[in-house]
Amino acid sequence: MIKSGEVSDQCAIASPPGCDSAQNMPKSKEIYKNKVLYKQHALEYGTKLVGCISQKKAGTTHLGLPVFASVAGAKKATDRPATVIYVVPPGAAAAILEALEAEMSLIFCITKVVP
């Protein structure tokens, strides 16, 4: 079982500021910029984003969205059945599993070359 908040870069429809797993990887600044850009484009397009997931940054905001500690917590607070995951490839499987454990009905995972 995945511990709540173990996957830090998953969203209840948007990803949080920074990815804990990406901070130790090469090009993490580039990865971070791309994730923020994806969220900004979604917001500009009119997508109704409701919150972000980051155990370390829970209780703060990012791009005007509340940051939650876990997917389950975000689902409970927002009553939304969908999640979009912006994560580095090594974290993709764990992020998807956390969303499944939170019983999200619709899960989008946006990453390249999932191992």
Protein backbone atom coordinates (compact mmCIF):
# COMPACT_ATOMS: atom_id res chain seq x y z
CA MET A 1 0.00 0.00 0.00
CA ILE A 2 1.23 3.49 -0.85
CA LYS A 3 1.44 5.77 2.17
CA SER A 4 -0.68 8.90 1.94
CA GLY A 5 1.30 11.70 0.35
CA GLU A 6 4.18 9.39 -0.62
CA VAL A 7 3.72 10.45 -4.22
CA SER A 8 4.28 14.15 -4.02
CA ASP A 9 3.63 15.17 -7.58
CA GLN A 10 0.12 14.17 -8.30
CA CYS A 11 -2.92 16.28 -8.51
CA ALA A 12 -6.57 16.42 -7.96
CA ILE A 13 -6.59 18.13 -11.31
CA ALA A 14 -3.24 19.96 -11.13
CA SER A 15 0.25 19.19 -9.97
CA PRO A 16 1.98 20.95 -7.09
CA PRO A 17 4.96 23.27 -7.14
CA GLY A 18 7.98 21.04 -7.63
CA CYS A 19 8.32 17.30 -7.51
CA ASP A 20 10.14 15.78 -4.56
CA SER A 21 11.27 12.83 -6.67
CA ALA A 22 12.48 15.15 -9.44
CA GLN A 23 14.58 17.33 -7.17
CA ASN A 24 17.32 14.72 -7.12
CA MET A 25 17.22 14.11 -10.85
CA PRO A 26 19.08 15.91 -13.65
CA LYS A 27 17.16 18.70 -15.35
CA SER A 28 14.70 19.02 -12.45
CA LYS A 29 14.38 22.77 -13.11
CA GLU A 30 13.41 22.00 -16.70
CA ILE A 31 10.88 19.38 -15.53
CA TYR A 32 9.43 21.85 -13.01
CA LYS A 33 9.08 24.59 -15.64
CA ASN A 34 7.24 22.20 -17.98
CA LYS A 35 4.81 21.09 -15.27
CA VAL A 36 4.02 24.67 -14.32
CA LEU A 37 3.59 25.53 -17.99
CA TYR A 38 1.12 22.65 -18.47
CA LYS A 39 -0.95 23.84 -15.52
CA GLN A 40 -0.88 27.47 -16.66
CA HIS A 41 -2.01 26.46 -20.15
CA ALA A 42 -4.83 24.34 -18.72
CA LEU A 43 -6.00 27.25 -16.56
CA GLU A 44 -5.79 29.70 -19.48
CA TYR A 45 -7.79 27.28 -21.63
CA GLY A 46 -10.52 27.27 -18.99
CA THR A 47 -9.95 23.87 -17.42
CA LYS A 48 -11.46 23.86 -13.93
CA LEU A 49 -8.53 22.84 -11.78
CA VAL A 50 -9.43 22.38 -8.13
CA GLY A 51 -6.22 21.59 -6.25
CA CYS A 52 -2.74 20.13 -6.05
CA ILE A 53 -1.09 17.32 -4.09
CA SER A 54 2.14 17.68 -2.15
CA GLN A 55 2.64 16.29 1.33
CA LYS A 56 5.44 18.78 2.04
CA LYS A 57 3.48 21.80 0.78
CA ALA A 58 0.00 20.87 2.05
CA GLY A 59 -1.96 23.85 3.31
CA THR A 60 -0.37 26.30 0.87
CA THR A 61 -1.50 27.37 -2.59
CA HIS A 62 0.00 27.06 -6.06
CA LEU A 63 -1.30 29.06 -9.04
CA GLY A 64 -4.19 30.04 -6.82
CA LEU A 65 -5.12 26.41 -6.10
CA PRO A 66 -5.09 24.76 -2.65
CA VAL A 67 -2.40 22.14 -2.05
CA PHE A 68 -3.48 18.91 -0.29
CA ALA A 69 -1.34 16.25 1.43
CA SER A 70 -2.81 13.29 -0.45
CA VAL A 71 -5.07 12.33 -3.33
CA ALA A 72 -7.61 10.88 -0.90
CA GLY A 73 -7.62 14.15 1.06
CA ALA A 74 -8.09 16.19 -2.10
CA LYS A 75 -10.92 13.95 -3.27
CA LYS A 76 -12.66 14.26 0.10
CA ALA A 77 -12.25 18.06 0.18
CA THR A 78 -13.22 18.74 -3.44
CA ASP A 79 -15.57 15.83 -4.21
CA ARG A 80 -13.97 15.46 -7.65
CA PRO A 81 -13.56 12.00 -9.24
CA ALA A 82 -10.70 12.79 -11.64
CA THR A 83 -6.97 13.39 -11.32
CA VAL A 84 -4.18 14.49 -13.63
CA ILE A 85 -0.69 13.33 -12.72
CA TYR A 86 2.36 15.30 -13.85
CA VAL A 87 5.30 13.22 -12.65
CA VAL A 88 8.78 12.08 -13.62
CA PRO A 89 8.84 8.54 -15.09
CA PRO A 90 10.13 6.72 -11.98
CA GLY A 91 7.18 8.05 -9.96
CA ALA A 92 4.43 7.28 -12.47
CA ALA A 93 3.42 3.82 -11.23
CA ALA A 94 3.27 4.88 -7.56
CA ALA A 95 1.27 8.00 -8.46
CA ILE A 96 -1.25 5.96 -10.44
CA LEU A 97 -1.54 3.44 -7.59
CA GLU A 98 -2.19 6.24 -5.08
CA ALA A 99 -4.97 7.58 -7.32
CA LEU A 100 -6.46 4.08 -7.61
CA GLU A 101 -6.35 3.64 -3.82
CA ALA A 102 -8.20 6.96 -3.48
CA GLU A 103 -10.83 5.45 -5.82
CA MET A 104 -10.49 8.14 -8.46
CA SER A 105 -12.81 7.33 -11.38
CA LEU A 106 -10.68 8.97 -14.05
CA ILE A 107 -6.87 9.09 -13.98
CA PHE A 108 -4.66 10.87 -16.51
CA CYS A 109 -0.90 10.39 -16.20
CA ILE A 110 1.21 12.77 -18.25
CA THR A 111 4.82 11.65 -18.43
CA LYS A 112 7.36 10.36 -20.92
CA VAL A 113 8.81 6.86 -21.12
CA VAL A 114 7.16 5.17 -18.15
CA PRO A 115 9.48 2.37 -16.94
